[in-house]
């Protein structure tokens, strides 16, 4: 499951339904993403999404 797509979307959807959320970061991953001419490393994408999920929706 790609964190920046499936995990993020699922977390947001089920949070709105009142579920408590736990995401095991070692069980999901992502890929390098290109923004303009810049390549964002997968590790940085993963950390940013996991930080946002943990800080807002769950643990």
N, C-alpha and C. Protein backbone atom coordinates (compact mmCIF):
# COMPACT_ATOMS: atom_id res chain seq x y z
N UNK A 1 0.84 -1.17 0.00
CA UNK A 1 0.00 0.00 0.00
C UNK A 1 0.89 1.24 0.00
N UNK A 2 0.59 2.15 -0.89
CA UNK A 2 1.39 3.37 -0.94
C UNK A 2 0.82 4.40 0.03
N UNK A 3 1.68 4.82 0.95
CA UNK A 3 1.27 5.73 2.02
C UNK A 3 0.62 6.99 1.48
N UNK A 4 1.20 7.58 0.46
CA UNK A 4 0.70 8.88 -0.02
C UNK A 4 -0.61 8.75 -0.80
N UNK A 5 -1.06 7.56 -1.06
CA UNK A 5 -2.32 7.36 -1.78
C UNK A 5 -3.31 6.59 -0.91
N UNK A 6 -3.16 5.29 -0.87
CA UNK A 6 -4.13 4.40 -0.21
C UNK A 6 -4.24 4.63 1.29
N UNK A 7 -3.11 4.69 1.97
CA UNK A 7 -3.13 4.83 3.42
C UNK A 7 -3.73 6.18 3.82
N UNK A 8 -3.25 7.24 3.21
CA UNK A 8 -3.75 8.58 3.54
C UNK A 8 -5.25 8.69 3.29
N UNK A 9 -5.71 8.22 2.16
CA UNK A 9 -7.14 8.30 1.82
C UNK A 9 -7.99 7.47 2.78
N UNK A 10 -7.54 6.27 3.08
CA UNK A 10 -8.29 5.39 3.98
C UNK A 10 -8.36 5.97 5.39
N UNK A 11 -7.25 6.47 5.88
CA UNK A 11 -7.22 7.07 7.22
C UNK A 11 -8.21 8.22 7.31
N UNK A 12 -8.21 9.09 6.33
CA UNK A 12 -9.12 10.24 6.35
C UNK A 12 -10.58 9.80 6.30
N UNK A 13 -10.87 8.79 5.49
CA UNK A 13 -12.25 8.32 5.34
C UNK A 13 -12.77 7.69 6.63
N UNK A 14 -11.99 6.80 7.22
CA UNK A 14 -12.48 6.10 8.41
C UNK A 14 -12.47 6.98 9.65
N UNK A 15 -11.59 7.97 9.69
CA UNK A 15 -11.59 8.92 10.80
C UNK A 15 -12.92 9.67 10.84
N UNK A 16 -13.40 10.03 9.68
CA UNK A 16 -14.69 10.72 9.58
C UNK A 16 -15.86 9.86 10.02
N UNK A 17 -15.67 8.55 10.02
CA UNK A 17 -16.72 7.63 10.47
C UNK A 17 -16.60 7.29 11.95
N UNK A 18 -15.61 7.87 12.62
CA UNK A 18 -15.47 7.68 14.05
C UNK A 18 -14.55 6.56 14.49
N UNK A 19 -13.83 5.95 13.58
CA UNK A 19 -12.91 4.87 13.94
C UNK A 19 -11.64 5.43 14.58
N UNK A 20 -11.08 4.66 15.52
CA UNK A 20 -9.76 4.97 16.05
C UNK A 20 -8.75 4.34 15.09
N UNK A 21 -7.69 5.03 14.82
CA UNK A 21 -6.78 4.62 13.75
C UNK A 21 -5.39 4.33 14.30
N UNK A 22 -4.83 3.20 13.86
CA UNK A 22 -3.45 2.84 14.12
C UNK A 22 -2.84 2.46 12.77
N UNK A 23 -1.79 3.15 12.38
CA UNK A 23 -1.08 2.82 11.14
C UNK A 23 0.32 2.33 11.53
N UNK A 24 0.66 1.15 11.09
CA UNK A 24 1.99 0.59 11.35
C UNK A 24 2.88 1.02 10.18
N UNK A 25 3.74 1.98 10.44
CA UNK A 25 4.52 2.59 9.36
C UNK A 25 5.45 1.60 8.66
N UNK A 26 5.87 0.56 9.36
CA UNK A 26 6.73 -0.46 8.73
C UNK A 26 5.97 -1.36 7.77
N UNK A 27 4.66 -1.25 7.75
CA UNK A 27 3.84 -2.11 6.89
C UNK A 27 3.33 -1.39 5.64
N UNK A 28 3.79 -0.18 5.44
CA UNK A 28 3.41 0.55 4.23
C UNK A 28 4.62 1.32 3.73
N UNK A 29 4.55 1.75 2.51
CA UNK A 29 5.69 2.45 1.91
C UNK A 29 5.18 3.38 0.82
N UNK A 30 6.09 4.06 0.20
CA UNK A 30 5.75 4.94 -0.90
C UNK A 30 6.90 4.94 -1.91
N UNK A 31 6.90 5.87 -2.80
CA UNK A 31 7.95 5.93 -3.82
C UNK A 31 8.44 7.36 -3.96
N UNK A 32 9.53 7.53 -4.68
CA UNK A 32 10.00 8.87 -4.99
C UNK A 32 8.92 9.60 -5.78
N UNK A 33 8.73 10.88 -5.48
CA UNK A 33 7.75 11.68 -6.19
C UNK A 33 8.44 12.89 -6.82
N UNK A 34 8.02 13.24 -8.00
CA UNK A 34 8.60 14.39 -8.70
C UNK A 34 7.66 15.59 -8.56
N UNK A 35 8.25 16.71 -8.18
CA UNK A 35 7.52 17.97 -8.07
C UNK A 35 8.28 19.00 -8.89
N UNK A 36 7.73 19.32 -10.05
CA UNK A 36 8.47 20.19 -10.96
C UNK A 36 9.73 19.48 -11.41
N UNK A 37 10.85 20.11 -11.20
CA UNK A 37 12.14 19.50 -11.55
C UNK A 37 12.78 18.79 -10.36
N UNK A 38 12.14 18.85 -9.22
CA UNK A 38 12.73 18.28 -8.00
C UNK A 38 12.18 16.88 -7.73
N UNK A 39 13.06 15.98 -7.33
CA UNK A 39 12.67 14.63 -6.94
C UNK A 39 12.66 14.58 -5.41
N UNK A 40 11.53 14.19 -4.84
CA UNK A 40 11.40 14.05 -3.39
C UNK A 40 11.60 12.58 -3.06
N UNK A 41 12.55 12.29 -2.20
CA UNK A 41 12.88 10.91 -1.86
C UNK A 41 11.72 10.23 -1.15
N UNK A 42 11.56 8.96 -1.41
CA UNK A 42 10.49 8.17 -0.80
C UNK A 42 10.54 8.24 0.72
N UNK A 43 11.74 8.23 1.30
CA UNK A 43 11.86 8.29 2.76
C UNK A 43 11.27 9.60 3.30
N UNK A 44 11.47 10.69 2.57
CA UNK A 44 10.94 11.98 3.00
C UNK A 44 9.42 12.04 2.83
N UNK A 45 8.93 11.48 1.75
CA UNK A 45 7.48 11.42 1.53
C UNK A 45 6.84 10.60 2.65
N UNK A 46 7.41 9.43 2.94
CA UNK A 46 6.88 8.55 3.98
C UNK A 46 6.85 9.25 5.33
N UNK A 47 7.95 9.88 5.70
CA UNK A 47 8.02 10.56 7.00
C UNK A 47 7.00 11.68 7.10
N UNK A 48 6.86 12.45 6.04
CA UNK A 48 5.91 13.57 6.06
C UNK A 48 4.47 13.08 6.21
N UNK A 49 4.11 12.04 5.46
CA UNK A 49 2.75 11.52 5.56
C UNK A 49 2.49 10.86 6.91
N UNK A 50 3.45 10.11 7.42
CA UNK A 50 3.25 9.46 8.72
C UNK A 50 3.15 10.51 9.83
N UNK A 51 3.93 11.57 9.75
CA UNK A 51 3.85 12.64 10.74
C UNK A 51 2.49 13.32 10.69
N UNK A 52 1.99 13.57 9.50
CA UNK A 52 0.68 14.21 9.36
C UNK A 52 -0.43 13.31 9.88
N UNK A 53 -0.36 12.03 9.55
CA UNK A 53 -1.38 11.08 10.01
C UNK A 53 -1.36 10.98 11.52
N UNK A 54 -0.18 10.80 12.08
CA UNK A 54 -0.08 10.65 13.53
C UNK A 54 -0.51 11.92 14.26
N UNK A 55 -0.11 13.05 13.73
CA UNK A 55 -0.42 14.31 14.39
C UNK A 55 -1.87 14.72 14.32
N UNK A 56 -2.60 14.20 13.36
CA UNK A 56 -3.98 14.63 13.16
C UNK A 56 -5.01 13.54 13.42
N UNK A 57 -4.73 12.33 12.97
CA UNK A 57 -5.76 11.30 12.93
C UNK A 57 -5.58 10.12 13.88
N UNK A 58 -4.40 9.83 14.28
CA UNK A 58 -4.25 8.60 15.08
C UNK A 58 -2.85 8.45 15.61
N UNK A 59 -2.49 7.18 15.78
CA UNK A 59 -1.14 6.90 16.29
C UNK A 59 -0.50 5.82 15.48
